[in-house]
């Protein structure tokens, strides 16, 4: 286990520790930890190498541009990233742990956005298919037979008047 002397007040292992305190720590050291033994010296060297590698990867990915404005922006961003990592490390924050947590949160947010998007869409039922149209085929219809009714025959009851 690596041994460090604190050069600033920090919060470590759920405790607020004063500058000058010596601590045994297996995690990644931060700038508030001065190495005392060989294991601590190696851990500090590893941390600095990782920060340099991260900055180099960033520059290689973004800084390959020949545009001076882009190169300047990448340099500023890289410097700010390094400063932010150092500041977070001073508070005992593990950058990789923070990054993993952010990825988990981002994944959950994406899931929720999908659910909300699906819920916001009006439910659409498939339109029913129209009934097939039957073709009209004219058919010959025979006319019904006409039955003529005979007028009823009435017998005269009175003789017709004489003229």
Protein backbone atom coordinates (compact mmCIF):
# COMPACT_ATOMS: atom_id res chain seq x y z
CA UNK A 1 0.00 0.00 0.00
CA UNK A 2 1.34 3.44 -0.94
CA UNK A 3 2.00 6.05 1.74
CA UNK A 4 1.47 9.79 1.18
CA UNK A 5 1.77 13.05 3.13
CA UNK A 6 -1.06 15.47 2.41
CA UNK A 7 -0.05 18.97 1.31
CA UNK A 8 -3.61 20.33 1.53
CA UNK A 9 -6.83 19.64 3.41
CA UNK A 10 -8.77 16.93 1.53
CA UNK A 11 -11.75 14.66 1.92
CA UNK A 12 -10.58 11.05 1.69
CA UNK A 13 -12.25 7.78 2.69
CA UNK A 14 -15.24 9.63 4.15
CA UNK A 15 -12.99 11.78 6.37
CA UNK A 16 -11.80 15.38 6.20
CA UNK A 17 -8.03 15.23 6.63
CA UNK A 18 -5.70 18.14 7.40
CA UNK A 19 -2.52 19.03 5.50
CA UNK A 20 0.51 17.24 6.94
CA UNK A 21 -1.42 14.04 7.71
CA UNK A 22 0.17 10.80 6.47
CA UNK A 23 -2.18 8.32 4.83
CA UNK A 24 -2.01 4.86 3.31
CA UNK A 25 -3.93 4.85 0.03
CA UNK A 26 -4.31 2.27 -2.76
CA UNK A 27 -6.28 4.44 -5.18
CA UNK A 28 -5.03 6.94 -7.72
CA UNK A 29 -3.21 9.77 -5.96
CA UNK A 30 -4.11 13.40 -6.52
CA UNK A 31 -2.07 16.59 -6.45
CA UNK A 32 -2.67 17.01 -2.70
CA UNK A 33 -0.72 13.80 -2.00
CA UNK A 34 3.07 13.88 -1.79
CA UNK A 35 4.62 10.41 -2.12
CA UNK A 36 6.58 9.06 0.83
CA UNK A 37 7.53 5.52 -0.28
CA UNK A 38 8.43 3.86 -3.60
CA UNK A 39 4.90 2.54 -4.17
CA UNK A 40 3.53 6.08 -3.87
CA UNK A 41 6.20 7.46 -6.25
CA UNK A 42 5.23 4.81 -8.83
CA UNK A 43 1.51 5.58 -8.40
CA UNK A 44 2.10 9.32 -8.94
CA UNK A 45 4.17 8.56 -12.06
CA UNK A 46 1.39 6.30 -13.40
CA UNK A 47 -1.20 9.03 -12.81
CA UNK A 48 0.84 11.65 -14.63
CA UNK A 49 1.52 9.25 -17.51
CA UNK A 50 -2.21 8.58 -17.81
CA UNK A 51 -2.99 12.30 -17.89
CA UNK A 52 -0.34 12.90 -20.55
CA UNK A 53 -1.69 9.97 -22.61
CA UNK A 54 -5.22 11.33 -22.38
CA UNK A 55 -4.10 14.76 -23.48
CA UNK A 56 -2.04 13.21 -26.32
CA UNK A 57 -4.99 11.14 -27.52
CA UNK A 58 -7.16 14.22 -27.49
CA UNK A 59 -4.62 16.22 -29.45
CA UNK A 60 -4.11 13.38 -31.93
CA UNK A 61 -7.83 13.06 -32.51
CA UNK A 62 -8.77 16.71 -32.67
CA UNK A 63 -5.48 18.50 -33.12
CA UNK A 64 -4.57 16.98 -36.45
CA UNK A 65 -6.10 20.02 -38.08
CA UNK A 66 -3.84 22.54 -39.78
CA UNK A 67 -6.28 25.36 -38.99
CA UNK A 68 -4.59 27.55 -36.34
CA UNK A 69 -7.94 28.41 -34.72
CA UNK A 70 -8.77 24.71 -34.27
CA UNK A 71 -5.29 23.94 -32.91
CA UNK A 72 -5.60 26.82 -30.42
CA UNK A 73 -9.05 25.64 -29.36
CA UNK A 74 -7.76 22.07 -28.84
CA UNK A 75 -4.83 23.37 -26.77
CA UNK A 76 -7.16 25.42 -24.59
CA UNK A 77 -9.54 22.50 -24.18
CA UNK A 78 -6.68 20.13 -23.34
CA UNK A 79 -5.31 22.51 -20.72
CA UNK A 80 -8.75 22.93 -19.18
CA UNK A 81 -9.29 19.16 -19.17
CA UNK A 82 -5.99 18.59 -17.40
CA UNK A 83 -6.76 21.34 -14.86
CA UNK A 84 -10.25 19.90 -14.25
CA UNK A 85 -8.85 16.40 -13.70
CA UNK A 86 -6.26 17.73 -11.27
CA UNK A 87 -8.87 19.77 -9.39
CA UNK A 88 -11.25 16.81 -9.18
CA UNK A 89 -8.43 14.56 -8.05
CA UNK A 90 -7.68 17.06 -5.26
CA UNK A 91 -11.13 16.30 -3.92
CA UNK A 92 -10.55 12.57 -4.19
CA UNK A 93 -12.82 12.13 -7.22
CA UNK A 94 -11.87 9.23 -9.48
CA UNK A 95 -12.23 10.48 -13.06
CA UNK A 96 -12.82 7.01 -14.51
CA UNK A 97 -15.51 6.29 -11.92
CA UNK A 98 -17.15 9.64 -12.69
CA UNK A 99 -17.03 8.88 -16.42
CA UNK A 100 -18.60 5.44 -15.89
CA UNK A 101 -21.35 7.01 -13.79
CA UNK A 102 -22.04 9.62 -16.47
CA UNK A 103 -22.30 6.92 -19.13
CA UNK A 104 -24.82 5.03 -16.98
CA UNK A 105 -26.88 8.20 -16.49
CA UNK A 106 -26.69 9.00 -20.20
CA UNK A 107 -27.93 5.50 -21.04
CA UNK A 108 -30.89 5.84 -18.66
CA UNK A 109 -31.72 9.28 -20.09
CA UNK A 110 -31.69 7.79 -23.60
CA UNK A 111 -34.02 5.00 -22.43
CA UNK A 112 -36.41 7.49 -20.85
CA UNK A 113 -36.37 9.71 -23.94
CA UNK A 114 -37.36 6.69 -26.02
CA UNK A 115 -40.23 5.85 -23.67
CA UNK A 116 -41.43 9.47 -23.58
CA UNK A 117 -41.21 9.80 -27.34
CA UNK A 118 -43.23 6.63 -27.79
CA UNK A 119 -45.79 7.83 -25.23
CA UNK A 120 -46.13 11.23 -26.90
CA UNK A 121 -47.01 9.77 -30.28
CA UNK A 122 -50.74 9.37 -30.78
CA UNK A 123 -51.82 5.79 -30.94
CA UNK A 124 -52.42 4.92 -34.54
CA UNK A 125 -54.56 1.98 -35.37
CA UNK A 126 -54.12 0.44 -38.75
CA UNK A 127 -56.81 1.55 -41.13
CA UNK A 128 -59.23 -1.26 -41.95
CA UNK A 129 -58.98 -2.56 -45.45
CA UNK A 130 -61.97 -1.57 -47.55
CA UNK A 131 -64.33 -4.34 -48.51
CA UNK A 132 -63.61 -5.67 -51.96
CA UNK A 133 -65.80 -4.12 -54.62
CA UNK A 134 -67.92 -6.64 -56.43
CA UNK A 135 -68.29 -6.01 -60.08
CA UNK A 136 -71.84 -5.34 -61.22
CA UNK A 137 -73.01 -7.80 -63.83
CA UNK A 138 -76.40 -6.93 -65.29
CA UNK A 139 -78.77 -9.82 -65.28
CA UNK A 140 -81.86 -10.28 -67.45
CA UNK A 141 -84.95 -10.12 -65.36
CA UNK A 142 -88.16 -11.47 -66.77
CA UNK A 143 -91.06 -9.12 -66.28
CA UNK A 144 -93.78 -10.40 -64.04
CA UNK A 145 -96.90 -11.53 -65.98
CA UNK A 146 -99.55 -8.87 -66.08
CA UNK A 147 -102.87 -10.16 -64.93
CA UNK A 148 -105.78 -8.14 -66.11
CA UNK A 149 -108.68 -8.22 -63.84
CA UNK A 150 -112.06 -8.20 -65.43
CA UNK A 151 -114.44 -5.56 -64.27
CA UNK A 152 -117.23 -7.04 -62.29
CA UNK A 153 -120.35 -7.58 -64.25
CA UNK A 154 -123.39 -6.09 -62.68
CA UNK A 155 -126.87 -6.79 -63.80
CA UNK A 156 -129.10 -3.79 -64.20
CA UNK A 157 -131.82 -3.78 -61.69
CA UNK A 158 -133.88 -1.03 -63.37
CA UNK A 159 -134.71 -0.72 -66.95
CA UNK A 160 -132.98 2.07 -68.81
CA UNK A 161 -135.16 5.18 -69.21
CA UNK A 162 -137.09 5.63 -72.46
CA UNK A 163 -136.12 8.24 -74.67
